[in-house]
Every structure is written in C-alpha cells, then in structure tokens.
Amino acid sequence: MRTDRTVLATTALLALGAMALAEDLPPVLQAPFEEGVRALKAGKLDEAETAFRAVLAKGGTVAYVHNNLGIVHQERGQHEKALAQFREAIRLDSAYAAPRILLGASLLALGRVGEARRELERAVRLAPKEPLARLQLAKVEERAGDWTAVVEQYQALREMRPQEPEYAYGLGNAYLRLSEWCLHELDRVDGGTARLLQATGHGYRVQGRPDLALTAFARAAEVDPTLPEVHLAMAQIHLEQKRWAEARQEIERELLLVPESAGARALAERLRALEASPP
C-alpha cells in the first residue's frame, strides 16, 4: 500500500529534509547522496536505494540518509522496512521531525493507529509550524474517529495557511463529521429529544430544506415547550419566505420564553422595517 506519494514522501523530503546537503556528510559522500536524492525525486527507487546504501556503507550514517532510505521503502509499500530506517534516523537525531512524520504514516498504513498518533504528536511538538505533521496527525485522528481532534489540527493548519483551499475544505469536512457524530451520540443517548429535533432542524436549514426544518422545529417545540431558540429559528424561516404574520407569531413566542433575547428583538426590528418598506 503506497502512502500519499507526492504529498507525503516528496514533501517530507523537500520541506523537512532540508539537511540534504548538510555538512554532516564527508565531502566525498555528498555527490552520491545528491544522486540518491535526485533519483528518489524522479521515482527511480532502485537507483535511490543503491545510492543511499552506498553512502551508509562508506560511513555516512547520519539521520537524513536513513530517513530517505525509509522513504524508498515507504514508496514501495514496504512499511516494516521503512519503520526500521525511520527509527534509526530518530535514534541518530531525536530532534529531526521528518522521520517521525513518515514513521507515523507507515504505522497508519499498517493499521497501528495508536502508535501512529504517538509519533505524530511528538512530531507536532518538535515542529508545530510544519503543516505536514499536523496534516498527518489529522489523518490519524480521522481514522480513529476523533473528530474533535481532527478539527483542532485543521484549525491550526488554517491559521498557518489561511489561503490554502485544501485546509479550508478539510476543516469544513471535519466540522460536518463532528456534527454528524454529535447527532448520532445524541440519538443513541436519548433519541427523540427536543434537542435532537432542534439539531435536525438546523441540519435541514443548512441543506436548504426549510419545510422539513420547520417540521422538525415544530416537533421540538411540542416535545419541550420551554426550549429556547426553536421559535426564533422558525421565525427566521418565515421571514425569509416573506410570511410576516407567521414570523411575528414565532418572535412573540420566543420573547415569552426569553424576554431578553437579542436575536428575537433584532428580528422583530427587521420585520417592522420590511413591513414598512414599499412592496
């Protein structure tokens, strides 16, 4: 099973493997290492492996050589072999975040979600501003079904790169899945409650199905006549559909329940302005 080839392996190599030309390697080993990097970027995995193993055999036992050899194995779907190389890279340089990210990816590919989470949490602590670390941790949390944690990672990614559309999409999808999970839990714990019907009504509004939303809100009000915000939501729908009398009635019901409701009072002002405006 290959693991996000272009997004994961190559990005990790370029973004986090900036030590590719570090002074750790003896000058005589720089050229063969660079050949391995070029071969890896070109997808020539056999050539890359030969180059990296030659560097290691000649004494170039530094973390990023093992990291890149691990990427070769990961690209082939040889995740157990990749794990050994990433772990050796970490042993040689515990502050190097790239092998921890890639280790987490291979552990996830092997279905070892708990171990993957631990490694990626360490990677995020080491490199909190590295998007790839958080992106991979979000994937692990998604596999684990922890949508609150997924939201947290995508929020951080959005803060770092607000113009990145994939992060905006990821955050929106995470919010949606978290909402679905909450509704499922609410139904499991106490199905048929007013709160579940209220949440269902809001879901229908988001989907652009106002008639179904009104039905759900009305049922919620029947189940719990003291529940706030239900009549306000119904008033908003009636107002959007220019049913002034129905909107006013729901606003009045909301104010009976919550006299200090700023939302209901603002909606009442808007209704008066609309009624007073020329048709």
Protein backbone atom coordinates (compact mmCIF):
# COMPACT_ATOMS: atom_id res chain seq x y z
CA MET A 1 0.00 0.00 0.00
CA ARG A 2 1.54 3.30 -1.10
CA THR A 3 1.19 6.26 1.20
CA ASP A 4 0.43 9.69 -0.29
CA ARG A 5 3.44 9.58 -2.57
CA THR A 6 3.62 13.14 -3.86
CA VAL A 7 2.07 14.84 -0.85
CA LEU A 8 3.77 12.85 1.87
CA ALA A 9 7.08 11.40 0.84
CA THR A 10 8.27 14.02 -1.62
CA THR A 11 7.06 16.93 0.51
CA ALA A 12 8.74 15.48 3.57
CA LEU A 13 11.94 15.06 1.62
CA LEU A 14 11.94 18.64 0.34
CA ALA A 15 10.28 20.54 3.20
CA LEU A 16 11.64 18.71 6.20
CA GLY A 17 14.73 17.14 4.68
CA ALA A 18 16.47 20.45 4.20
CA MET A 19 19.61 18.86 5.65
CA ALA A 20 20.10 17.01 2.35
CA LEU A 21 23.30 18.96 1.75
CA ALA A 22 24.24 19.36 5.41
CA GLU A 23 27.85 19.41 6.43
CA ASP A 24 27.40 16.22 8.47
CA LEU A 25 28.41 14.14 5.48
CA PRO A 26 32.06 13.97 4.43
CA PRO A 27 32.63 15.85 1.13
CA VAL A 28 33.33 12.60 -0.70
CA LEU A 29 29.82 11.35 0.12
CA GLN A 30 27.94 14.49 -0.88
CA ALA A 31 27.78 13.62 -4.58
CA PRO A 32 26.42 10.06 -4.19
CA PHE A 33 23.88 11.31 -1.66
CA GLU A 34 22.71 14.03 -4.06
CA GLU A 35 22.40 11.39 -6.78
CA GLY A 36 20.16 9.39 -4.48
CA VAL A 37 18.01 12.44 -3.78
CA ARG A 38 17.58 13.14 -7.50
CA ALA A 39 16.72 9.51 -8.17
CA LEU A 40 14.17 9.48 -5.35
CA LYS A 41 12.51 12.65 -6.62
CA ALA A 42 12.37 11.10 -10.12
CA GLY A 43 10.76 7.93 -8.77
CA LYS A 44 13.82 5.80 -9.58
CA LEU A 45 13.64 3.86 -6.37
CA ASP A 46 16.25 1.18 -7.13
CA GLU A 47 18.85 3.82 -8.03
CA ALA A 48 17.97 5.82 -4.94
CA GLU A 49 18.32 2.80 -2.67
CA THR A 50 21.67 1.87 -4.18
CA ALA A 51 22.98 5.41 -3.66
CA PHE A 52 21.78 5.74 -0.07
CA ARG A 53 23.11 2.29 0.90
CA ALA A 54 26.45 3.17 -0.63
CA VAL A 55 26.60 6.33 1.48
CA LEU A 56 25.78 4.36 4.63
CA ALA A 57 28.34 1.66 3.79
CA LYS A 58 31.06 4.29 3.48
CA GLY A 59 30.37 5.80 6.89
CA GLY A 60 27.64 8.30 6.08
CA THR A 61 25.45 7.11 8.94
CA VAL A 62 23.53 10.33 9.54
CA ALA A 63 19.82 10.68 10.25
CA TYR A 64 18.67 12.07 6.93
CA VAL A 65 20.29 9.28 4.92
CA HIS A 66 18.31 6.69 6.88
CA ASN A 67 15.22 8.91 6.54
CA ASN A 68 15.49 9.00 2.76
CA LEU A 69 16.16 5.27 2.57
CA GLY A 70 12.99 4.83 4.64
CA ILE A 71 11.11 6.89 2.06
CA VAL A 72 12.30 4.49 -0.65
CA HIS A 73 10.82 1.56 1.26
CA GLN A 74 7.65 3.51 2.02
CA GLU A 75 7.19 4.30 -1.65
CA ARG A 76 7.32 0.59 -2.40
CA GLY A 77 4.79 -0.17 0.31
CA GLN A 78 7.47 -1.94 2.38
CA HIS A 79 6.37 -0.33 5.61
CA GLU A 80 8.10 -2.66 8.05
CA LYS A 81 11.42 -1.95 6.37
CA ALA A 82 10.57 1.75 6.32
CA LEU A 83 9.89 1.69 10.07
CA ALA A 84 13.39 0.38 10.77
CA GLN A 85 15.01 3.19 8.79
CA PHE A 86 12.86 5.94 10.29
CA ARG A 87 13.53 4.67 13.80
CA GLU A 88 17.25 4.62 13.16
CA ALA A 89 17.03 8.21 11.89
CA ILE A 90 15.24 9.18 15.10
CA ARG A 91 17.85 7.38 17.20
CA LEU A 92 20.60 9.35 15.47
CA ASP A 93 18.76 12.69 15.74
CA SER A 94 15.81 12.79 18.12
CA ALA A 95 15.06 16.42 17.18
CA TYR A 96 14.60 15.59 13.48
CA ALA A 97 10.84 15.79 12.81
CA ALA A 98 10.71 14.29 9.28
CA PRO A 99 11.26 10.63 10.22
CA ARG A 100 8.64 10.86 12.96
CA ILE A 101 6.07 12.14 10.45
CA LEU A 102 6.94 9.41 7.97
CA LEU A 103 7.06 6.82 10.74
CA GLY A 104 3.52 7.83 11.69
CA ALA A 105 2.41 7.47 8.07
CA SER A 106 3.80 3.93 7.78
CA LEU A 107 2.34 2.93 11.14
CA LEU A 108 -1.04 4.20 9.95
CA ALA A 109 -0.68 2.23 6.71
CA LEU A 110 -0.09 -0.87 8.85
CA GLY A 111 -3.21 -0.14 10.89
CA ARG A 112 -1.28 0.70 14.06
CA VAL A 113 -3.28 3.82 14.82
CA GLY A 114 -2.28 4.32 18.46
CA GLU A 115 1.44 4.13 17.70
CA ALA A 116 0.99 6.45 14.71
CA ARG A 117 -0.77 9.00 16.89
CA ARG A 118 2.03 8.98 19.48
CA GLU A 119 4.75 9.52 16.88
CA LEU A 120 2.85 12.28 15.11
CA GLU A 121 2.05 14.07 18.36
CA ARG A 122 5.80 14.09 19.05
CA ALA A 123 6.42 15.41 15.54
CA VAL A 124 3.94 18.25 16.11
CA ARG A 125 5.68 19.14 19.36
CA LEU A 126 9.02 19.19 17.56
CA ALA A 127 7.74 21.16 14.55
CA PRO A 128 4.45 22.89 15.47
CA LYS A 129 4.63 25.12 12.39
CA GLU A 130 5.19 22.27 9.93
CA PRO A 131 1.88 21.68 8.09
CA LEU A 132 2.74 18.11 7.08
CA ALA A 133 3.00 17.00 10.71
CA ARG A 134 -0.46 18.32 11.53
CA LEU A 135 -1.95 17.04 8.28
CA GLN A 136 -0.76 13.52 9.01
CA LEU A 137 -1.96 13.73 12.61
CA ALA A 138 -5.37 14.82 11.31
CA LYS A 139 -5.47 11.69 9.11
CA VAL A 140 -4.67 9.51 12.10
CA GLU A 141 -7.38 11.15 14.22
CA GLU A 142 -9.82 10.73 11.35
CA ARG A 143 -9.02 7.00 11.21
CA ALA A 144 -9.57 6.86 14.99
CA GLY A 145 -12.91 8.68 14.65
CA ASP A 146 -11.85 11.53 16.95
CA TRP A 147 -13.41 14.40 15.00
CA THR A 148 -12.78 16.96 17.72
CA ALA A 149 -9.06 16.28 17.34
CA VAL A 150 -9.35 16.47 13.54
CA VAL A 151 -10.99 19.89 13.83
CA GLU A 152 -8.18 21.04 16.13
CA GLN A 153 -5.49 20.11 13.60
CA TYR A 154 -7.26 21.71 10.65
CA GLN A 155 -7.86 24.87 12.67
CA ALA A 156 -4.11 25.09 13.25
CA LEU A 157 -3.44 24.47 9.55
CA ARG A 158 -5.89 27.23 8.58
CA GLU A 159 -4.16 29.65 10.93
CA MET A 160 -0.82 28.85 9.33
CA ARG A 161 -2.04 28.97 5.73
CA PRO A 162 -5.44 30.69 5.50
CA GLN A 163 -5.32 30.81 1.69
CA GLU A 164 -4.87 27.05 1.27
CA PRO A 165 -8.19 25.68 -0.09
CA GLU A 166 -7.48 22.08 0.92
CA TYR A 167 -7.20 23.10 4.56
CA ALA A 168 -10.45 25.05 4.36
CA TYR A 169 -12.13 22.01 2.83
CA GLY A 170 -10.62 19.72 5.45
CA LEU A 171 -11.84 21.92 8.28
CA GLY A 172 -15.34 22.14 6.84
CA ASN A 173 -15.50 18.39 6.35
CA ALA A 174 -14.24 17.82 9.89
CA TYR A 175 -16.92 20.12 11.30
CA LEU A 176 -19.55 18.26 9.29
CA ARG A 177 -18.38 14.87 10.51
CA LEU A 178 -18.19 16.14 14.09
CA SER A 179 -21.76 17.41 13.79
CA GLU A 180 -22.90 14.04 12.42
CA TRP A 181 -21.13 12.26 15.28
CA CYS A 182 -22.78 14.54 17.85
CA LEU A 183 -26.21 13.88 16.38
CA HIS A 184 -25.56 10.15 16.38
CA GLU A 185 -24.48 10.27 20.02
CA LEU A 186 -27.49 12.39 20.96
CA ASP A 187 -29.80 9.92 19.26
CA ARG A 188 -28.04 6.98 20.94
CA VAL A 189 -28.20 8.54 24.40
CA ASP A 190 -31.73 9.91 24.21
CA GLY A 191 -33.39 9.61 20.82
CA GLY A 192 -36.46 11.71 20.14
CA THR A 193 -35.49 14.54 22.46
CA ALA A 194 -36.27 18.14 21.70
CA ARG A 195 -32.56 18.91 21.32
CA LEU A 196 -32.17 16.20 18.67
CA LEU A 197 -35.17 17.55 16.77
CA GLN A 198 -33.76 21.06 17.08
CA ALA A 199 -30.39 19.94 15.72
CA THR A 200 -32.15 18.09 12.91
CA GLY A 201 -34.00 21.27 12.03
CA HIS A 202 -30.74 23.22 11.80
CA GLY A 203 -29.34 20.48 9.60
CA TYR A 204 -32.27 20.81 7.20
CA ARG A 205 -31.76 24.59 7.09
CA VAL A 206 -28.13 24.14 6.08
CA GLN A 207 -29.27 21.73 3.35
CA GLY A 208 -31.71 24.33 2.00
CA ARG A 209 -34.85 22.37 3.01
CA PRO A 210 -36.85 24.92 5.01
CA ASP A 211 -40.14 22.99 5.04
CA LEU A 212 -38.52 19.98 6.68
CA ALA A 213 -36.70 22.31 9.05
CA LEU A 214 -39.99 23.90 10.14
CA THR A 215 -41.48 20.47 10.77
CA ALA A 216 -38.51 19.44 12.92
CA PHE A 217 -38.56 22.71 14.89
CA ALA A 218 -42.31 22.44 15.45
CA ARG A 219 -41.90 18.91 16.81
CA ALA A 220 -39.09 20.10 19.08
CA ALA A 221 -41.40 22.80 20.48
CA GLU A 222 -44.08 20.19 21.11
CA VAL A 223 -41.68 17.90 22.96
CA ASP A 224 -40.29 20.76 25.08
CA PRO A 225 -42.36 23.97 25.01
CA THR A 226 -39.71 25.74 27.13
CA LEU A 227 -36.82 25.13 24.73
CA PRO A 228 -35.27 28.45 23.62
CA GLU A 229 -34.24 29.39 20.07
CA VAL A 230 -36.66 26.99 18.38
CA HIS A 231 -39.31 29.65 17.75
CA LEU A 232 -36.58 32.09 16.74
CA ALA A 233 -35.36 29.67 14.07
CA MET A 234 -38.93 29.20 12.82
CA ALA A 235 -39.38 32.98 12.72
CA GLN A 236 -36.24 33.36 10.62
CA ILE A 237 -37.52 30.84 8.08
CA HIS A 238 -40.91 32.53 7.86
CA LEU A 239 -39.22 35.90 7.44
CA GLU A 240 -37.01 34.58 4.63
CA GLN A 241 -40.15 33.33 2.87
CA LYS A 242 -42.00 36.63 3.49
CA ARG A 243 -44.63 35.15 5.74
CA TRP A 244 -44.81 38.19 8.01
CA ALA A 245 -47.69 37.09 10.26
CA GLU A 246 -46.17 33.69 10.98
CA ALA A 247 -42.77 35.29 11.63
CA ARG A 248 -44.29 37.77 14.12
CA GLN A 249 -46.10 34.98 15.93
CA GLU A 250 -42.92 32.94 16.38
CA ILE A 251 -40.98 36.02 17.52
CA GLU A 252 -43.60 36.69 20.19
CA ARG A 253 -43.40 33.06 21.35
CA GLU A 254 -39.64 33.31 21.60
CA LEU A 255 -39.84 36.51 23.62
CA LEU A 256 -42.27 34.89 26.03
CA LEU A 257 -39.66 32.22 26.68
CA VAL A 258 -36.62 34.52 26.60
CA PRO A 259 -37.65 38.17 27.11
CA GLU A 260 -34.02 39.31 26.91
CA SER A 261 -33.37 37.55 23.59
CA ALA A 262 -31.31 39.98 21.50
CA GLY A 263 -31.79 37.79 18.43
CA ALA A 264 -35.59 37.87 18.70
CA ARG A 265 -35.65 41.63 19.25
CA ALA A 266 -33.36 42.26 16.30
CA LEU A 267 -35.53 40.05 14.12
CA ALA A 268 -38.63 41.95 15.25
CA GLU A 269 -36.97 45.23 14.22
CA ARG A 270 -36.09 43.78 10.86
CA LEU A 271 -39.65 42.55 10.39
CA ARG A 272 -41.06 46.01 11.16
CA ALA A 273 -38.67 47.57 8.64
CA LEU A 274 -39.67 45.08 5.97
CA GLU A 275 -43.38 45.61 6.60
CA ALA A 276 -42.92 49.39 6.40
CA SER A 277 -40.97 49.31 3.16
CA PRO A 278 -42.77 49.73 -0.19
CA PRO A 279 -43.81 46.42 -1.82
